[in-house]
Amino acid sequence: MTSMNASGDSQSLSIKPQLQHCFMAGLRFDTELEYLEEQGRWEPLCSEQDGTSIATAVQKKISLLVRINDLLRDAPQAVPETTVEWQSWLDEAGAQYQAKTLESSMHAMAQPLLKGLSSDGVMLVQLALPKEGKRWMLVTGVECEHSATRPPKLRSLLVFDPQVPGVWACGHNARVALPNNHKSDALGLQHTLCIYRTLDGGYLACTAQRIVAIQTMA
């Protein structure tokens, strides 16, 4: 239905913003979570094999995504703490990638995250959780609010937490829900209380310490 203004022009009724999930390139989850490896085959992201050394991983050309997931799952005590340490880890691995911290207000975070997820890199978030301390997780997707009149607005990070069991036919096993109010839009993630929710109903208050994008060097 449309209405007519005084000049005779038609005006469409306002359309409510729509929520949309966008996931990283090279990922599928119609059954278990799988990634597209260099030879064009789909492989399970979470294998039952023990962690692989960096040198062996490079020789086998194991996906950067798998190497990082194995690191987070099997050796959390060895996970880099800062972006500089992530870069050192990448250099040691012989990977031609660059680690960069995404620094932006919540209001402007959607676009760089969407760009990063569409690239051939890996996105990571470090959460500060009560009693559990800081923990890194893979950002496999985002939930954004899309409007015809405004840029996308970030509502949740869709994450794969290697310390939590995977979920069948799902690209994430937890989410980091962001506050939906105008006062929080101008704040950085470190200053905003978020909610970490597992898909079985568990939840914890948290803050996102940093988001790191690991992408191919230009």
N, C-alpha and C. Protein backbone atom coordinates (compact mmCIF):
# COMPACT_ATOMS: atom_id res chain seq x y z
N MET A 1 0.85 -1.19 0.00
CA MET A 1 0.00 0.00 0.00
C MET A 1 0.89 1.23 0.00
N THR A 2 0.52 2.26 -0.73
CA THR A 2 1.27 3.51 -0.77
C THR A 2 0.36 4.68 -0.45
N SER A 3 0.95 5.78 -0.05
CA SER A 3 0.18 6.99 0.23
C SER A 3 0.62 8.06 -0.75
N MET A 4 -0.20 9.05 -0.98
CA MET A 4 0.09 10.12 -1.92
C MET A 4 0.32 11.41 -1.15
N ASN A 5 1.41 12.12 -1.49
CA ASN A 5 1.62 13.41 -0.86
C ASN A 5 0.95 14.50 -1.70
N ALA A 6 1.13 15.75 -1.25
CA ALA A 6 0.41 16.85 -1.89
C ALA A 6 0.80 17.01 -3.35
N SER A 7 2.03 16.65 -3.72
CA SER A 7 2.47 16.84 -5.09
C SER A 7 2.13 15.65 -5.97
N GLY A 8 1.52 14.62 -5.37
CA GLY A 8 1.11 13.47 -6.16
C GLY A 8 2.14 12.37 -6.20
N ASP A 9 3.31 12.57 -5.57
CA ASP A 9 4.32 11.51 -5.54
C ASP A 9 3.91 10.43 -4.56
N SER A 10 4.21 9.20 -4.88
CA SER A 10 3.90 8.09 -3.98
C SER A 10 5.06 7.87 -3.03
N GLN A 11 4.74 7.53 -1.81
CA GLN A 11 5.74 7.25 -0.79
C GLN A 11 5.51 5.85 -0.24
N SER A 12 6.53 5.01 -0.32
CA SER A 12 6.40 3.66 0.20
C SER A 12 6.38 3.70 1.72
N LEU A 13 5.62 2.80 2.30
CA LEU A 13 5.61 2.68 3.74
C LEU A 13 6.99 2.25 4.21
N SER A 14 7.42 2.72 5.36
CA SER A 14 8.74 2.41 5.87
C SER A 14 8.89 0.91 6.09
N ILE A 15 10.06 0.39 5.73
CA ILE A 15 10.35 -1.03 5.89
C ILE A 15 11.22 -1.21 7.11
N LYS A 16 10.84 -2.14 7.98
CA LYS A 16 11.61 -2.37 9.20
C LYS A 16 12.98 -2.94 8.85
N PRO A 17 14.00 -2.58 9.63
CA PRO A 17 15.33 -3.15 9.40
C PRO A 17 15.30 -4.67 9.51
N GLN A 18 16.11 -5.34 8.72
CA GLN A 18 16.16 -6.79 8.68
C GLN A 18 17.47 -7.29 9.26
N LEU A 19 17.39 -8.37 10.05
CA LEU A 19 18.59 -9.01 10.56
C LEU A 19 19.10 -10.03 9.55
N GLN A 20 20.40 -10.04 9.34
CA GLN A 20 21.00 -10.96 8.37
C GLN A 20 22.31 -11.51 8.92
N HIS A 21 22.50 -12.82 8.73
CA HIS A 21 23.76 -13.47 9.11
C HIS A 21 24.66 -13.55 7.89
N CYS A 22 25.91 -13.12 8.03
CA CYS A 22 26.90 -13.23 6.97
C CYS A 22 28.09 -14.01 7.51
N PHE A 23 28.52 -15.04 6.77
CA PHE A 23 29.60 -15.90 7.24
C PHE A 23 30.84 -15.75 6.36
N MET A 24 31.97 -16.20 6.89
CA MET A 24 33.25 -16.06 6.20
C MET A 24 33.27 -16.88 4.93
N ALA A 25 34.03 -16.39 3.96
CA ALA A 25 34.18 -17.09 2.69
C ALA A 25 34.91 -18.42 2.92
N GLY A 26 34.54 -19.44 2.12
CA GLY A 26 35.21 -20.72 2.22
C GLY A 26 34.77 -21.57 3.39
N LEU A 27 33.57 -21.32 3.91
CA LEU A 27 33.04 -22.08 5.04
C LEU A 27 31.66 -22.61 4.67
N ARG A 28 31.37 -23.86 5.05
CA ARG A 28 30.02 -24.38 4.86
C ARG A 28 29.67 -25.27 6.05
N PHE A 29 28.36 -25.43 6.27
CA PHE A 29 27.93 -26.16 7.46
C PHE A 29 26.56 -26.80 7.25
N ASP A 30 26.37 -27.40 6.05
CA ASP A 30 25.11 -28.13 5.84
C ASP A 30 25.09 -29.41 6.66
N THR A 31 26.27 -29.89 7.07
CA THR A 31 26.37 -31.01 8.02
C THR A 31 27.29 -30.54 9.14
N GLU A 32 28.52 -31.06 9.18
CA GLU A 32 29.49 -30.54 10.14
C GLU A 32 30.19 -29.31 9.54
N LEU A 33 30.86 -28.56 10.38
CA LEU A 33 31.53 -27.35 9.92
C LEU A 33 32.74 -27.73 9.07
N GLU A 34 32.78 -27.24 7.83
CA GLU A 34 33.85 -27.57 6.90
C GLU A 34 34.43 -26.30 6.28
N TYR A 35 35.67 -26.42 5.79
CA TYR A 35 36.33 -25.30 5.12
C TYR A 35 36.82 -25.78 3.76
N LEU A 36 37.00 -24.85 2.84
CA LEU A 36 37.48 -25.15 1.51
C LEU A 36 39.00 -25.02 1.50
N GLU A 37 39.70 -26.14 1.33
CA GLU A 37 41.16 -26.11 1.37
C GLU A 37 41.74 -25.79 0.00
N GLU A 38 43.06 -25.60 -0.05
CA GLU A 38 43.71 -25.04 -1.24
C GLU A 38 43.49 -25.88 -2.50
N GLN A 39 43.36 -27.19 -2.34
CA GLN A 39 43.18 -28.07 -3.50
C GLN A 39 41.73 -28.15 -3.95
N GLY A 40 40.85 -27.37 -3.32
CA GLY A 40 39.46 -27.33 -3.74
C GLY A 40 38.58 -28.39 -3.10
N ARG A 41 39.07 -29.06 -2.06
CA ARG A 41 38.27 -30.07 -1.36
C ARG A 41 37.71 -29.48 -0.08
N TRP A 42 36.53 -29.96 0.31
CA TRP A 42 35.94 -29.56 1.58
C TRP A 42 36.41 -30.52 2.66
N GLU A 43 36.95 -29.97 3.76
CA GLU A 43 37.49 -30.76 4.85
C GLU A 43 36.88 -30.30 6.17
N PRO A 44 36.73 -31.22 7.14
CA PRO A 44 36.23 -30.81 8.46
C PRO A 44 37.18 -29.82 9.12
N LEU A 45 36.64 -28.78 9.71
CA LEU A 45 37.48 -27.81 10.40
C LEU A 45 38.08 -28.42 11.66
N CYS A 46 37.30 -29.22 12.36
CA CYS A 46 37.76 -29.81 13.61
C CYS A 46 38.05 -31.29 13.40
N SER A 47 39.30 -31.62 13.12
CA SER A 47 39.69 -33.01 12.95
C SER A 47 39.99 -33.63 14.31
N GLU A 48 40.06 -34.95 14.33
CA GLU A 48 40.36 -35.65 15.57
C GLU A 48 41.86 -35.82 15.78
N GLN A 49 42.67 -35.32 14.86
CA GLN A 49 44.11 -35.49 14.97
C GLN A 49 44.69 -34.52 16.00
N ASP A 50 45.86 -34.90 16.51
CA ASP A 50 46.54 -34.02 17.46
C ASP A 50 47.04 -32.77 16.75
N GLY A 51 47.38 -31.75 17.54
CA GLY A 51 47.88 -30.51 16.95
C GLY A 51 49.12 -30.74 16.10
N THR A 52 49.27 -29.94 15.05
CA THR A 52 50.39 -30.08 14.13
C THR A 52 51.38 -28.96 14.36
N SER A 53 52.67 -29.27 14.31
CA SER A 53 53.68 -28.23 14.50
C SER A 53 53.60 -27.22 13.36
N ILE A 54 54.09 -26.02 13.61
CA ILE A 54 54.06 -24.98 12.59
C ILE A 54 54.84 -25.41 11.35
N ALA A 55 56.04 -25.98 11.55
CA ALA A 55 56.88 -26.38 10.42
C ALA A 55 56.17 -27.42 9.56
N THR A 56 55.58 -28.42 10.21
CA THR A 56 54.86 -29.46 9.46
C THR A 56 53.64 -28.88 8.76
N ALA A 57 52.96 -27.96 9.42
CA ALA A 57 51.78 -27.35 8.83
C ALA A 57 52.13 -26.61 7.55
N VAL A 58 53.26 -25.89 7.56
CA VAL A 58 53.67 -25.16 6.37
C VAL A 58 54.00 -26.13 5.24
N GLN A 59 54.71 -27.22 5.57
CA GLN A 59 55.08 -28.20 4.56
C GLN A 59 53.85 -28.84 3.92
N LYS A 60 52.84 -29.08 4.74
CA LYS A 60 51.62 -29.72 4.24
C LYS A 60 50.63 -28.70 3.65
N LYS A 61 50.98 -27.43 3.74
CA LYS A 61 50.11 -26.35 3.27
C LYS A 61 48.73 -26.41 3.93
N ILE A 62 48.74 -26.74 5.20
CA ILE A 62 47.48 -26.78 5.95
C ILE A 62 46.93 -25.36 6.05
N SER A 63 45.64 -25.24 5.89
CA SER A 63 44.98 -23.94 5.89
C SER A 63 45.31 -23.14 7.14
N LEU A 64 45.50 -21.82 6.95
CA LEU A 64 45.75 -20.94 8.08
C LEU A 64 44.60 -21.02 9.08
N LEU A 65 43.37 -21.14 8.59
CA LEU A 65 42.21 -21.24 9.47
C LEU A 65 42.33 -22.46 10.38
N VAL A 66 42.75 -23.61 9.81
CA VAL A 66 42.88 -24.83 10.60
C VAL A 66 44.01 -24.70 11.61
N ARG A 67 45.14 -24.11 11.19
CA ARG A 67 46.27 -23.95 12.10
C ARG A 67 45.88 -23.09 13.30
N ILE A 68 45.16 -22.02 13.05
CA ILE A 68 44.75 -21.14 14.16
C ILE A 68 43.74 -21.85 15.05
N ASN A 69 42.78 -22.56 14.44
CA ASN A 69 41.79 -23.28 15.25
C ASN A 69 42.47 -24.33 16.12
N ASP A 70 43.44 -25.07 15.56
CA ASP A 70 44.16 -26.07 16.34
C ASP A 70 44.94 -25.42 17.48
N LEU A 71 45.53 -24.26 17.22
CA LEU A 71 46.28 -23.54 18.25
C LEU A 71 45.35 -23.15 19.40
N LEU A 72 44.18 -22.59 19.07
CA LEU A 72 43.24 -22.16 20.10
C LEU A 72 42.71 -23.34 20.91
N ARG A 73 42.53 -24.46 20.23
CA ARG A 73 41.94 -25.64 20.89
C ARG A 73 42.96 -26.43 21.71
N ASP A 74 44.15 -26.65 21.13
CA ASP A 74 45.11 -27.59 21.72
C ASP A 74 46.19 -26.94 22.57
N ALA A 75 46.46 -25.67 22.36
CA ALA A 75 47.54 -25.02 23.10
C ALA A 75 47.15 -23.61 23.50
N PRO A 76 46.06 -23.46 24.29
CA PRO A 76 45.61 -22.10 24.65
C PRO A 76 46.66 -21.30 25.39
N GLN A 77 47.57 -21.99 26.12
CA GLN A 77 48.62 -21.28 26.86
C GLN A 77 49.65 -20.66 25.92
N ALA A 78 49.70 -21.11 24.65
CA ALA A 78 50.68 -20.59 23.69
C ALA A 78 50.07 -19.58 22.73
N VAL A 79 48.80 -19.26 22.90
CA VAL A 79 48.13 -18.34 21.98
C VAL A 79 48.67 -16.93 22.18
N PRO A 80 49.00 -16.22 21.11
CA PRO A 80 49.49 -14.84 21.23
C PRO A 80 48.49 -13.96 21.98
N GLU A 81 49.02 -12.98 22.70
CA GLU A 81 48.18 -12.10 23.49
C GLU A 81 47.83 -10.82 22.73
N THR A 82 48.79 -10.26 22.00
CA THR A 82 48.60 -8.98 21.33
C THR A 82 48.70 -9.15 19.82
N THR A 83 48.34 -8.10 19.10
CA THR A 83 48.44 -8.13 17.64
C THR A 83 49.89 -8.30 17.21
N VAL A 84 50.82 -7.66 17.93
CA VAL A 84 52.25 -7.81 17.61
C VAL A 84 52.68 -9.26 17.76
N GLU A 85 52.21 -9.94 18.80
CA GLU A 85 52.55 -11.34 19.01
C GLU A 85 51.92 -12.24 17.95
N TRP A 86 50.72 -11.88 17.51
CA TRP A 86 50.12 -12.63 16.41
C TRP A 86 50.96 -12.51 15.15
N GLN A 87 51.48 -11.30 14.90
CA GLN A 87 52.32 -11.11 13.72
C GLN A 87 53.59 -11.93 13.82
N SER A 88 54.17 -12.00 15.00
CA SER A 88 55.38 -12.82 15.19
C SER A 88 55.08 -14.29 14.94
N TRP A 89 53.92 -14.74 15.40
CA TRP A 89 53.52 -16.14 15.17
C TRP A 89 53.35 -16.41 13.68
N LEU A 90 52.76 -15.48 12.97
CA LEU A 90 52.57 -15.64 11.52
C LEU A 90 53.92 -15.67 10.80
N ASP A 91 54.82 -14.78 11.21
CA ASP A 91 56.14 -14.75 10.59
C ASP A 91 56.89 -16.06 10.83
N GLU A 92 56.77 -16.60 12.03
CA GLU A 92 57.43 -17.86 12.35
C GLU A 92 56.84 -19.00 11.53
N ALA A 93 55.53 -18.90 11.27
CA ALA A 93 54.86 -19.94 10.49
C ALA A 93 55.17 -19.84 9.00
N GLY A 94 55.84 -18.78 8.60
CA GLY A 94 56.14 -18.60 7.19
C GLY A 94 54.93 -18.22 6.37
N ALA A 95 53.90 -17.71 7.03
CA ALA A 95 52.67 -17.34 6.33
C ALA A 95 52.75 -15.88 5.87
N GLN A 96 52.38 -15.63 4.63
CA GLN A 96 52.42 -14.28 4.08
C GLN A 96 51.14 -13.53 4.43
N TYR A 97 50.94 -13.36 5.73
CA TYR A 97 49.74 -12.69 6.23
C TYR A 97 50.13 -11.57 7.18
N GLN A 98 49.22 -10.64 7.34
CA GLN A 98 49.44 -9.51 8.22
C GLN A 98 48.32 -9.45 9.25
N ALA A 99 48.69 -9.26 10.53
CA ALA A 99 47.71 -9.14 11.60
C ALA A 99 47.43 -7.67 11.87
N LYS A 100 46.16 -7.33 11.94
CA LYS A 100 45.78 -5.92 12.14
C LYS A 100 44.61 -5.86 13.12
N THR A 101 44.72 -4.98 14.10
CA THR A 101 43.63 -4.78 15.05
C THR A 101 42.56 -3.88 14.42
N LEU A 102 41.31 -4.29 14.53
CA LEU A 102 40.21 -3.45 14.06
C LEU A 102 39.84 -2.49 15.18
N GLU A 103 40.04 -1.22 14.96
CA GLU A 103 39.77 -0.21 15.96
C GLU A 103 38.71 0.74 15.42
N SER A 104 37.54 0.64 15.99
CA SER A 104 36.43 1.47 15.52
C SER A 104 35.35 1.47 16.59
N SER A 105 34.48 2.44 16.52
CA SER A 105 33.32 2.42 17.40
C SER A 105 32.38 1.30 16.96
N MET A 106 31.51 0.89 17.85
CA MET A 106 30.56 -0.16 17.51
C MET A 106 29.73 0.22 16.30
N HIS A 107 29.40 1.52 16.20
CA HIS A 107 28.54 1.98 15.12
C HIS A 107 29.17 1.74 13.76
N ALA A 108 30.51 1.78 13.70
CA ALA A 108 31.20 1.66 12.41
C ALA A 108 31.91 0.32 12.24
N MET A 109 31.64 -0.65 13.12
CA MET A 109 32.38 -1.91 13.09
C MET A 109 31.88 -2.88 12.02
N ALA A 110 30.64 -2.75 11.60
CA ALA A 110 30.05 -3.74 10.68
C ALA A 110 30.81 -3.81 9.36
N GLN A 111 31.12 -2.68 8.76
CA GLN A 111 31.74 -2.68 7.44
C GLN A 111 33.10 -3.36 7.42
N PRO A 112 34.05 -3.02 8.32
CA PRO A 112 35.34 -3.73 8.29
C PRO A 112 35.21 -5.22 8.59
N LEU A 113 34.27 -5.62 9.42
CA LEU A 113 34.07 -7.04 9.69
C LEU A 113 33.53 -7.76 8.46
N LEU A 114 32.56 -7.16 7.79
CA LEU A 114 32.01 -7.77 6.57
C LEU A 114 33.09 -7.88 5.50
N LYS A 115 33.93 -6.86 5.39
CA LYS A 115 35.02 -6.90 4.41
C LYS A 115 36.01 -8.01 4.75
N GLY A 116 36.35 -8.12 6.03
CA GLY A 116 37.29 -9.15 6.45
C GLY A 116 36.76 -10.55 6.23
N LEU A 117 35.48 -10.77 6.49
CA LEU A 117 34.89 -12.10 6.33
C LEU A 117 34.82 -12.51 4.87
N SER A 118 34.75 -11.55 3.97
CA SER A 118 34.66 -11.87 2.54
C SER A 118 36.03 -12.10 1.91
N SER A 119 37.10 -11.87 2.68
CA SER A 119 38.47 -12.04 2.16
C SER A 119 38.92 -13.47 2.42
N ASP A 120 40.20 -13.74 2.13
CA ASP A 120 40.74 -15.08 2.35
C ASP A 120 41.47 -15.17 3.68
N GLY A 121 41.21 -14.26 4.59
CA GLY A 121 41.89 -14.25 5.87
C GLY A 121 41.06 -14.87 6.98
N VAL A 122 41.47 -14.58 8.22
CA VAL A 122 40.83 -15.12 9.41
C VAL A 122 40.57 -13.96 10.38
N MET A 123 39.38 -13.98 10.99
CA MET A 123 39.02 -12.96 11.97
C MET A 123 38.99 -13.60 13.36
N LEU A 124 39.53 -12.89 14.34
CA LEU A 124 39.59 -13.39 15.71
C LEU A 124 39.09 -12.33 16.68
N VAL A 125 38.47 -12.79 17.78
CA VAL A 125 38.07 -11.88 18.85
C VAL A 125 38.60 -12.43 20.17
N GLN A 126 39.10 -11.55 21.00
CA GLN A 126 39.54 -11.92 22.34
C GLN A 126 38.50 -11.42 23.34
N LEU A 127 37.90 -12.34 24.07
CA LEU A 127 36.90 -11.99 25.07
C LEU A 127 37.50 -12.06 26.47
N ALA A 128 37.06 -11.17 27.33
CA ALA A 128 37.36 -11.24 28.75
C ALA A 128 36.12 -11.78 29.44
N LEU A 129 36.22 -13.02 29.95
CA LEU A 129 35.09 -13.72 30.56
C LEU A 129 35.30 -13.83 32.06
N PRO A 130 34.22 -13.67 32.87
CA PRO A 130 34.38 -13.77 34.33
C PRO A 130 34.87 -15.16 34.73
N LYS A 131 35.85 -15.19 35.62
CA LYS A 131 36.46 -16.41 36.18
C LYS A 131 37.29 -17.19 35.17
N GLU A 132 37.07 -16.98 33.87
CA GLU A 132 37.80 -17.73 32.85
C GLU A 132 38.95 -16.91 32.24
N GLY A 133 39.00 -15.63 32.54
CA GLY A 133 40.04 -14.79 31.98
C GLY A 133 39.80 -14.49 30.51
N LYS A 134 40.88 -14.21 29.78
CA LYS A 134 40.79 -13.86 28.37
C LYS A 134 40.86 -15.10 27.50
N ARG A 135 40.09 -15.12 26.43
CA ARG A 135 40.10 -16.27 25.53
C ARG A 135 39.84 -15.81 24.10
N TRP A 136 40.65 -16.32 23.16
CA TRP A 136 40.47 -16.02 21.74
C TRP A 136 39.49 -17.00 21.10
N MET A 137 38.73 -16.50 20.14
CA MET A 137 37.78 -17.32 19.39
C MET A 137 37.79 -16.88 17.93
N LEU A 138 37.43 -17.80 17.05
CA LEU A 138 37.28 -17.48 15.63
C LEU A 138 35.97 -16.73 15.41
N VAL A 139 36.03 -15.65 14.64
CA VAL A 139 34.80 -14.98 14.21
C VAL A 139 34.42 -15.58 12.85
N THR A 140 33.44 -16.45 12.84
CA THR A 140 33.02 -17.09 11.59
C THR A 140 31.92 -16.32 10.88
N GLY A 141 31.29 -15.38 11.57
CA GLY A 141 30.23 -14.60 10.93
C GLY A 141 29.78 -13.45 11.81
N VAL A 142 28.86 -12.68 11.28
CA VAL A 142 28.28 -11.56 12.03
C VAL A 142 26.78 -11.53 11.80
N GLU A 143 26.09 -10.98 12.76
CA GLU A 143 24.67 -10.67 12.61
C GLU A 143 24.54 -9.16 12.53
N CYS A 144 24.02 -8.67 11.41
CA CYS A 144 23.90 -7.23 11.19
C CYS A 144 22.45 -6.84 10.94
N GLU A 145 22.14 -5.64 11.33
CA GLU A 145 20.83 -5.06 11.05
C GLU A 145 20.96 -4.21 9.79
N HIS A 146 20.22 -4.58 8.76
CA HIS A 146 20.30 -3.89 7.47
C HIS A 146 19.06 -3.02 7.28
N SER A 147 19.31 -1.80 6.85
CA SER A 147 18.24 -0.83 6.60
C SER A 147 18.45 -0.21 5.24
N ALA A 148 17.37 0.22 4.61
CA ALA A 148 17.46 0.86 3.30
C ALA A 148 18.05 2.26 3.39
N THR A 149 18.08 2.83 4.59
CA THR A 149 18.51 4.22 4.72
C THR A 149 19.79 4.40 5.52
N ARG A 150 20.32 3.31 6.12
CA ARG A 150 21.52 3.44 6.95
C ARG A 150 22.51 2.32 6.63
N PRO A 151 23.78 2.52 6.93
CA PRO A 151 24.75 1.43 6.77
C PRO A 151 24.41 0.28 7.71
N PRO A 152 24.93 -0.93 7.43
CA PRO A 152 24.66 -2.06 8.33
C PRO A 152 25.11 -1.76 9.75
N LYS A 153 24.35 -2.25 10.72
CA LYS A 153 24.68 -2.06 12.13
C LYS A 153 24.96 -3.43 12.75
N LEU A 154 26.12 -3.55 13.39
CA LEU A 154 26.52 -4.81 14.00
C LEU A 154 25.66 -5.09 15.23
N ARG A 155 25.08 -6.31 15.28
CA ARG A 155 24.27 -6.72 16.43
C ARG A 155 24.95 -7.83 17.23
N SER A 156 25.60 -8.77 16.53
CA SER A 156 26.28 -9.87 17.23
C SER A 156 27.47 -10.36 16.42
N LEU A 157 28.50 -10.83 17.12
CA LEU A 157 29.56 -11.61 16.50
C LEU A 157 29.17 -13.07 16.60
N LEU A 158 29.25 -13.79 15.50
CA LEU A 158 28.99 -15.22 15.48
C LEU A 158 30.36 -15.90 15.56
N VAL A 159 30.61 -16.63 16.62
CA VAL A 159 31.96 -17.12 16.89
C VAL A 159 31.99 -18.64 16.97
N PHE A 160 33.18 -19.18 16.70
CA PHE A 160 33.44 -20.60 16.95
C PHE A 160 34.46 -20.67 18.07
N ASP A 161 33.99 -21.11 19.23
CA ASP A 161 34.83 -21.23 20.42
C ASP A 161 35.41 -22.65 20.45
N PRO A 162 36.73 -22.81 20.23
CA PRO A 162 37.32 -24.15 20.20
C PRO A 162 37.20 -24.91 21.52
N GLN A 163 36.87 -24.20 22.62
CA GLN A 163 36.72 -24.87 23.90
C GLN A 163 35.29 -25.34 24.16
N VAL A 164 34.41 -25.15 23.16
CA VAL A 164 33.00 -25.55 23.27
C VAL A 164 32.69 -26.50 22.12
N PRO A 165 31.91 -27.57 22.35
CA PRO A 165 31.60 -28.50 21.27
C PRO A 165 30.92 -27.80 20.08
N GLY A 166 31.23 -28.29 18.89
CA GLY A 166 30.58 -27.75 17.70
C GLY A 166 29.11 -28.15 17.64
N VAL A 167 28.35 -27.45 16.81
CA VAL A 167 26.92 -27.71 16.66
C VAL A 167 26.66 -28.18 15.24
N TRP A 168 25.90 -29.25 15.08
CA TRP A 168 25.62 -29.81 13.77
C TRP A 168 24.88 -28.81 12.89
N ALA A 169 25.34 -28.69 11.65
CA ALA A 169 24.69 -27.84 10.65
C ALA A 169 24.59 -26.38 11.11
N CYS A 170 25.66 -25.89 11.71
CA CYS A 170 25.67 -24.50 12.19
C CYS A 170 27.08 -23.94 12.04
N GLY A 171 27.20 -22.73 11.58
CA GLY A 171 28.50 -22.12 11.34
C GLY A 171 29.13 -21.48 12.55
N HIS A 172 28.47 -21.57 13.70
CA HIS A 172 29.03 -21.02 14.94
C HIS A 172 28.49 -21.84 16.10
N ASN A 173 29.21 -21.79 17.22
CA ASN A 173 28.71 -22.48 18.41
C ASN A 173 28.46 -21.53 19.57
N ALA A 174 28.63 -20.24 19.32
CA ALA A 174 28.34 -19.22 20.32
C ALA A 174 28.18 -17.88 19.61
N ARG A 175 27.65 -16.93 20.34
CA ARG A 175 27.55 -15.57 19.80
C ARG A 175 27.90 -14.56 20.88
N VAL A 176 28.37 -13.42 20.44
CA VAL A 176 28.66 -12.30 21.34
C VAL A 176 27.65 -11.22 21.00
N ALA A 177 26.61 -11.11 21.82
CA ALA A 177 25.53 -10.15 21.57
C ALA A 177 25.92 -8.78 22.09
N LEU A 178 25.78 -7.77 21.24
CA LEU A 178 26.14 -6.39 21.59
C LEU A 178 24.90 -5.63 22.05
N PRO A 179 25.06 -4.65 22.91
CA PRO A 179 23.90 -3.86 23.36
C PRO A 179 23.29 -3.10 22.20
N ASN A 180 21.99 -3.01 22.21
CA ASN A 180 21.28 -2.33 21.12
C ASN A 180 20.70 -1.02 21.63
N ASN A 181 21.59 -0.05 21.83
CA ASN A 181 21.11 1.27 22.26
C ASN A 181 22.06 2.33 21.69
N HIS A 182 21.54 3.52 21.53
CA HIS A 182 22.30 4.60 20.89
C HIS A 182 23.49 5.04 21.74
N LYS A 183 23.42 4.91 23.06
CA LYS A 183 24.52 5.34 23.92
C LYS A 183 25.77 4.50 23.66
N SER A 184 25.58 3.22 23.28
CA SER A 184 26.72 2.33 23.07
C SER A 184 27.33 2.46 21.69
N ASP A 185 26.62 3.08 20.76
CA ASP A 185 27.08 3.11 19.37
C ASP A 185 28.43 3.79 19.21
N ALA A 186 28.68 4.82 19.99
CA ALA A 186 29.92 5.58 19.83
C ALA A 186 31.08 5.00 20.63
N LEU A 187 30.83 3.96 21.42
CA LEU A 187 31.87 3.40 22.26
C LEU A 187 32.64 2.32 21.53
N GLY A 188 33.89 2.12 21.91
CA GLY A 188 34.65 0.99 21.42
C GLY A 188 34.22 -0.28 22.13
N LEU A 189 34.57 -1.43 21.56
CA LEU A 189 34.14 -2.70 22.14
C LEU A 189 34.66 -2.89 23.55
N GLN A 190 35.90 -2.43 23.82
CA GLN A 190 36.49 -2.64 25.14
C GLN A 190 35.70 -1.96 26.25
N HIS A 191 34.91 -0.96 25.90
CA HIS A 191 34.17 -0.20 26.91
C HIS A 191 32.70 -0.60 26.97
N THR A 192 32.35 -1.68 26.30
CA THR A 192 30.96 -2.07 26.20
C THR A 192 30.74 -3.47 26.77
N LEU A 193 29.78 -3.59 27.65
CA LEU A 193 29.43 -4.89 28.21
C LEU A 193 28.61 -5.68 27.18
N CYS A 194 29.09 -6.86 26.84
CA CYS A 194 28.42 -7.74 25.88
C CYS A 194 27.97 -9.01 26.59
N ILE A 195 27.23 -9.84 25.88
CA ILE A 195 26.79 -11.12 26.41
C ILE A 195 27.29 -12.24 25.52
N TYR A 196 28.06 -13.15 26.11
CA TYR A 196 28.54 -14.34 25.41
C TYR A 196 27.51 -15.44 25.63
N ARG A 197 26.93 -15.94 24.53
CA ARG A 197 25.87 -16.95 24.62
C ARG A 197 26.26 -18.20 23.83
N THR A 198 26.24 -19.35 24.49
CA THR A 198 26.38 -20.60 23.78
C THR A 198 25.01 -21.00 23.23
N LEU A 199 24.99 -21.88 22.25
CA LEU A 199 23.72 -22.21 21.60
C LEU A 199 22.87 -23.18 22.41
N ASP A 200 23.41 -23.66 23.53
CA ASP A 200 22.60 -24.51 24.41
C ASP A 200 21.95 -23.72 25.53
N GLY A 201 22.06 -22.39 25.47
CA GLY A 201 21.36 -21.55 26.44
C GLY A 201 22.24 -20.90 27.49
N GLY A 202 23.51 -21.30 27.59
CA GLY A 202 24.38 -20.69 28.57
C GLY A 202 24.78 -19.28 28.18
N TYR A 203 25.02 -18.42 29.16
CA TYR A 203 25.45 -17.07 28.84
C TYR A 203 26.29 -16.48 29.97
N LEU A 204 27.18 -15.56 29.59
CA LEU A 204 28.05 -14.87 30.53
C LEU A 204 28.21 -13.42 30.06
N ALA A 205 28.31 -12.50 30.99
CA ALA A 205 28.67 -11.13 30.64
C ALA A 205 30.15 -11.11 30.27
N CYS A 206 30.52 -10.29 29.31
CA CYS A 206 31.91 -10.24 28.86
C CYS A 206 32.19 -8.89 28.22
N THR A 207 33.47 -8.67 27.91
CA THR A 207 33.87 -7.56 27.06
C THR A 207 34.78 -8.10 25.98
N ALA A 208 34.72 -7.50 24.80
CA ALA A 208 35.61 -7.87 23.71
C ALA A 208 36.86 -7.02 23.81
N GLN A 209 37.99 -7.63 24.13
CA GLN A 209 39.23 -6.89 24.33
C GLN A 209 39.80 -6.35 23.03
N ARG A 210 39.77 -7.19 22.00
CA ARG A 210 40.27 -6.76 20.69
C ARG A 210 39.75 -7.71 19.62
N ILE A 211 39.63 -7.18 18.41
CA ILE A 211 39.31 -7.98 17.23
C ILE A 211 40.49 -7.85 16.28
N VAL A 212 41.01 -8.98 15.84
CA VAL A 212 42.17 -9.00 14.96
C VAL A 212 41.80 -9.61 13.62
N ALA A 213 42.16 -8.93 12.55
CA ALA A 213 41.97 -9.45 11.20
C ALA A 213 43.33 -9.91 10.68
N ILE A 214 43.40 -11.17 10.25
CA ILE A 214 44.62 -11.73 9.66
C ILE A 214 44.36 -11.92 8.18
N GLN A 215 45.02 -11.13 7.35
CA GLN A 215 44.75 -11.12 5.92
C GLN A 215 46.04 -11.18 5.11
N THR A 216 45.89 -11.57 3.86
CA THR A 216 47.05 -11.67 2.97
C THR A 216 47.74 -10.32 2.83
N MET A 217 49.07 -10.34 2.85
CA MET A 217 49.82 -9.10 2.67
C MET A 217 49.60 -8.55 1.27
N ALA A 218 49.45 -7.25 1.16
CA ALA A 218 49.23 -6.62 -0.14
C ALA A 218 50.51 -6.69 -0.98
